[in-house]
Every structure is written in structure tokens, then in C-alpha cells.
């Protein structure tokens, strides 16, 4: 089904088994070849509180609190940004669903990928969520100088280049596919080197300018 000379990056749920019993789960992306061989995988690190796990379970569960979705097994967070070596398909960074909204936390700085793959189910967020989620993905592309491939079940799927430009897209609630080449990565940006420290420096600078302006006006 995958096709000749093809690779499938697909969502999966991997179970953590102890003594023949499932004690946890991972929200994962798995890379599968045309022969059905699993060659790489990534486990989601930024989990959704009360969706993928019940925070303070020891306290809230006795009070009757549950997760917002069915299931009593909590998801386990993965180790964080990783770059998967997919051979002829390049070096891929994976960010599952809303992980893409965290600036400075989407790329392994020691192993910079060629592109980011962002699968998501945006059906939770009505009509207002998908455009905002797409905008966040474009921001990460600009910050990191990396193209982003967004694959969603209900929209908006897109190919975003390293400048944040949407090259191709599939609108909401449409079943289609995008054929084409992955845009090239740009040189590492200043933000990709400094991360959120750069944002902190800008915040301090603007606060200093505001304080000086206020002092001069009052004087």
C-alpha cells in the first residue's frame, strides 16, 4: 500500500508494557518502508494536560476527575526534539500537533534537520483553530530557517518554505494530496542559534527604551 520507493510517516500509539499489562502509552510518529520495516520513530514530548494525561492524578482522581478523552492510561512524554535519519528522504525533525507552537523547542540543536514534519488532528478546535495552528507553523519555519510539512486530518495541510511562505496547501475538510519537492532549508538563523535568549534580549532592550523615554518625559 505504501508504494515502490516510498516511505510512510504515520501516527501511532505505542504502549509501555510491564508484566503483560499496559501501564502507559506514547503518542508517536513511526517511519515505515515499503517492505513494512520500521526504521525510525519519535515520541511526543509536549503532552496536552487533561487530554493526554491527568495532571495531579494522585489528588484529582479520588475526587472524580478524569481526562477529557476516553482512557485511564496516561501518555508518557518523549525526550524532546529529535532528528530522524530517513536515508534518501533526508533528516526529519518531528513535531506532533501543538508541539509546533513552542518557539525555540522544535529542533535538536546538535543535529539540525533538513525539514520539520508536523502531523496534527485539528478537528478539536473548530473553524478558528486550524488557521492559527498554520500561522504558528509558519513562525517556526521563519525562526529556524527550515521548511515545514504539515499533514492534518481536517485541515489545513501545507508545504511551508524556510521563509514561512505557504507553497501549497489543502483547505479544511478536504481529502486531497500534495505532490512535489520539499523546499530547501536556509542557513541557520540567529534565532536557531540563540533560541529564546534572543527574545529575552529584545524584551530587556524594549523595557530599557521605555524606561528611558518615561524618565525623559517626566524630567
Protein backbone atom coordinates (compact mmCIF):
# COMPACT_ATOMS: atom_id res chain seq x y z
CA UNK A 1 0.00 0.00 0.00
CA UNK A 2 2.91 2.37 0.69
CA UNK A 3 4.24 2.07 -2.86
CA UNK A 4 7.59 1.48 -4.50
CA UNK A 5 10.50 3.66 -3.35
CA UNK A 6 8.25 5.31 -0.76
CA UNK A 7 8.29 5.96 2.96
CA UNK A 8 5.29 6.45 5.25
CA UNK A 9 5.39 8.74 8.27
CA UNK A 10 2.30 7.84 10.24
CA UNK A 11 0.82 8.48 13.64
CA UNK A 12 0.71 5.59 16.10
CA UNK A 13 0.12 4.77 19.76
CA UNK A 14 2.95 2.75 21.31
CA UNK A 15 2.22 1.01 24.60
CA UNK A 16 4.55 0.68 27.56
CA UNK A 17 4.13 -2.89 28.84
CA UNK A 18 5.08 -4.13 32.30
CA UNK A 19 4.21 -7.66 33.47
CA UNK A 20 1.95 -8.18 30.45
CA UNK A 21 -0.02 -5.06 31.33
CA UNK A 22 -0.16 -1.67 29.62
CA UNK A 23 0.99 0.97 32.10
CA UNK A 24 1.39 3.91 29.73
CA UNK A 25 1.38 5.00 26.12
CA UNK A 26 3.35 7.17 23.71
CA UNK A 27 1.85 9.46 21.08
CA UNK A 28 4.24 8.55 18.29
CA UNK A 29 5.21 9.05 14.67
CA UNK A 30 6.60 5.93 13.00
CA UNK A 31 8.58 5.74 9.75
CA UNK A 32 7.70 2.62 7.72
CA UNK A 33 9.30 1.50 4.46
CA UNK A 34 7.53 -0.17 1.54
CA UNK A 35 8.65 -3.55 2.94
CA UNK A 36 6.87 -2.80 6.24
CA UNK A 37 10.11 -2.21 8.14
CA UNK A 38 10.07 0.37 10.93
CA UNK A 39 13.26 2.42 10.52
CA UNK A 40 12.68 5.31 12.94
CA UNK A 41 10.22 6.78 15.40
CA UNK A 42 9.53 9.82 17.54
CA UNK A 43 7.52 10.14 20.78
CA UNK A 44 5.66 13.36 21.52
CA UNK A 45 7.26 15.37 24.34
CA UNK A 46 4.79 18.22 24.93
CA UNK A 47 1.65 16.44 26.09
CA UNK A 48 -1.77 18.06 26.48
CA UNK A 49 -2.77 18.34 30.17
CA UNK A 50 -6.09 16.59 30.93
CA UNK A 51 -6.19 15.37 27.33
CA UNK A 52 -3.20 13.03 27.11
CA UNK A 53 -2.64 12.79 30.85
CA UNK A 54 -4.41 13.70 34.08
CA UNK A 55 -2.24 16.19 35.95
CA UNK A 56 -2.05 15.60 39.71
CA UNK A 57 -3.78 12.25 39.22
CA UNK A 58 -3.00 11.22 42.81
CA UNK A 59 -5.09 14.15 44.04
CA UNK A 60 -7.76 14.65 41.38
CA UNK A 61 -8.72 11.06 40.54
CA UNK A 62 -10.07 10.34 44.07
CA UNK A 63 -12.18 13.49 43.65
CA UNK A 64 -13.76 12.10 40.49
CA UNK A 65 -11.70 14.00 37.90
CA UNK A 66 -10.91 12.28 34.61
CA UNK A 67 -9.17 13.08 31.35
CA UNK A 68 -11.17 14.98 28.73
CA UNK A 69 -10.88 12.00 26.38
CA UNK A 70 -11.62 8.34 26.99
CA UNK A 71 -9.00 6.13 28.62
CA UNK A 72 -7.40 5.64 32.01
CA UNK A 73 -3.83 5.15 30.80
CA UNK A 74 -1.77 8.33 30.69
CA UNK A 75 0.56 9.14 27.84
CA UNK A 76 4.27 9.32 28.65
CA UNK A 77 6.34 12.27 27.36
CA UNK A 78 9.18 11.58 24.96
CA UNK A 79 12.72 13.01 25.35
CA UNK A 80 12.18 16.14 23.25
CA UNK A 81 13.25 17.32 19.77
CA UNK A 82 14.98 14.65 17.72
CA UNK A 83 16.24 14.37 14.15
CA UNK A 84 15.35 11.14 12.37
CA UNK A 85 17.72 9.86 9.69
CA UNK A 86 15.40 8.73 6.91
CA UNK A 87 18.13 7.94 4.39
CA UNK A 88 17.27 9.17 0.91
CA UNK A 89 14.28 11.04 2.37
CA UNK A 90 16.60 13.28 4.38
CA UNK A 91 16.92 14.28 8.01
CA UNK A 92 13.49 14.95 9.50
CA UNK A 93 12.56 16.78 12.69
CA UNK A 94 9.16 15.74 14.05
CA UNK A 95 6.70 17.90 15.98
CA UNK A 96 3.35 16.29 16.74
CA UNK A 97 0.27 18.52 16.81
CA UNK A 98 0.60 21.52 19.13
CA UNK A 99 4.31 20.90 19.83
CA UNK A 100 4.94 23.21 16.86
CA UNK A 101 3.70 26.23 18.87
CA UNK A 102 6.68 26.26 21.27
CA UNK A 103 9.36 28.62 19.90
CA UNK A 104 12.93 27.51 20.44
CA UNK A 105 11.86 23.96 21.32
CA UNK A 106 11.22 22.32 17.95
CA UNK A 107 14.72 21.41 16.71
CA UNK A 108 17.56 19.32 18.10
CA UNK A 109 20.38 21.91 18.06
CA UNK A 110 23.06 19.22 17.87
CA UNK A 111 21.52 17.57 14.80
CA UNK A 112 19.74 20.18 12.68
CA UNK A 113 17.22 18.53 10.34
CA UNK A 114 16.52 19.27 6.69
CA UNK A 115 12.83 19.93 7.41
CA UNK A 116 10.14 19.63 10.08
CA UNK A 117 7.18 17.25 9.81
CA UNK A 118 4.10 18.36 11.76
CA UNK A 119 1.19 15.89 11.74
CA UNK A 120 -1.92 17.04 13.57
CA UNK A 121 -5.61 16.43 14.19
CA UNK A 122 -7.09 19.93 14.23
CA UNK A 123 -10.66 18.69 14.47
CA UNK A 124 -10.69 19.59 18.18
CA UNK A 125 -10.52 23.32 17.55
CA UNK A 126 -13.48 24.17 15.33
CA UNK A 127 -13.03 26.62 12.47
CA UNK A 128 -10.79 29.08 14.32
CA UNK A 129 -8.04 26.67 15.40
CA UNK A 130 -6.53 25.44 12.11
CA UNK A 131 -5.62 28.91 10.70
CA UNK A 132 -3.92 29.81 13.99
CA UNK A 133 -2.10 26.47 14.07
CA UNK A 134 -0.90 27.02 10.49
CA UNK A 135 0.30 30.52 11.43
CA UNK A 136 2.31 29.07 14.32
CA UNK A 137 3.92 26.53 11.98
CA UNK A 138 4.89 29.36 9.62
CA UNK A 139 6.50 31.22 12.53
CA UNK A 140 8.64 28.18 13.43
CA UNK A 141 9.73 27.90 9.78
CA UNK A 142 10.89 31.54 9.80
CA UNK A 143 12.59 31.28 13.20
CA UNK A 144 14.51 28.10 12.37
CA UNK A 145 15.06 28.66 8.64
CA UNK A 146 13.52 25.25 7.94
CA UNK A 147 10.66 24.11 5.70
CA UNK A 148 7.65 22.60 7.46
CA UNK A 149 5.43 19.83 6.12
CA UNK A 150 2.01 19.94 7.80
CA UNK A 151 -0.25 16.91 7.48
CA UNK A 152 -3.68 17.12 9.09
CA UNK A 153 -6.86 15.06 9.05
CA UNK A 154 -9.27 18.00 8.79
CA UNK A 155 -7.06 20.86 7.57
CA UNK A 156 -5.07 22.89 6.98
CA UNK A 157 -2.32 20.74 5.42
CA UNK A 158 0.53 22.67 3.81
CA UNK A 159 4.06 22.83 2.48
CA UNK A 160 5.79 25.84 4.06
CA UNK A 161 9.21 27.02 2.93
CA UNK A 162 12.02 28.33 5.13
CA UNK A 163 10.75 31.93 4.79
CA UNK A 164 7.32 30.98 6.10
CA UNK A 165 5.68 31.15 2.66
CA UNK A 166 2.92 28.58 2.08
CA UNK A 167 3.92 26.95 -1.22
CA UNK A 168 0.99 24.52 -1.42
CA UNK A 169 -1.94 23.80 0.85
CA UNK A 170 -5.12 21.77 1.26
CA UNK A 171 -8.04 23.61 2.81
CA UNK A 172 -10.16 22.48 5.72
CA UNK A 173 -12.31 19.34 5.41
CA UNK A 174 -10.93 18.39 2.01
CA UNK A 175 -9.45 14.97 1.16
CA UNK A 176 -6.60 15.60 -1.28
CA UNK A 177 -2.84 15.17 -1.55
CA UNK A 178 0.13 17.37 -2.33
CA UNK A 179 2.77 16.16 -4.80
CA UNK A 180 6.07 17.99 -5.05
CA UNK A 181 9.53 18.55 -3.66
CA UNK A 182 10.42 19.61 -0.14
CA UNK A 183 11.71 23.22 -0.22
CA UNK A 184 15.39 23.58 0.74
CA UNK A 185 16.47 24.65 4.21
CA UNK A 186 18.05 28.06 4.70
CA UNK A 187 21.24 28.74 6.64
CA UNK A 188 20.80 28.56 10.43
CA UNK A 189 19.16 31.76 11.64
CA UNK A 190 20.23 33.88 14.60
CA UNK A 191 17.20 32.61 16.49
CA UNK A 192 18.10 28.99 15.73
CA UNK A 193 21.48 29.62 17.38
CA UNK A 194 20.34 31.65 20.39
CA UNK A 195 16.77 30.42 20.88
CA UNK A 196 14.55 32.24 23.37
CA UNK A 197 17.56 34.08 24.79
CA UNK A 198 17.22 36.34 21.75
CA UNK A 199 13.59 37.09 22.66
CA UNK A 200 14.66 37.88 26.23
CA UNK A 201 17.35 40.27 25.00
CA UNK A 202 14.79 42.10 22.84
CA UNK A 203 12.34 42.32 25.76
CA UNK A 204 15.02 43.80 28.04
CA UNK A 205 16.04 46.27 25.31
CA UNK A 206 12.48 47.50 24.77
CA UNK A 207 11.90 47.80 28.53
CA UNK A 208 15.07 49.86 28.82
CA UNK A 209 13.99 52.13 25.96
CA UNK A 210 10.54 52.56 27.55
CA UNK A 211 12.09 53.41 30.94
CA UNK A 212 14.43 55.98 29.38
CA UNK A 213 11.57 57.55 27.40
CA UNK A 214 9.39 57.76 30.52
CA UNK A 215 12.24 59.30 32.54
CA UNK A 216 12.95 61.93 29.88
CA UNK A 217 9.26 62.82 29.57
CA UNK A 218 8.84 63.20 33.33
CA UNK A 219 12.02 65.28 33.50
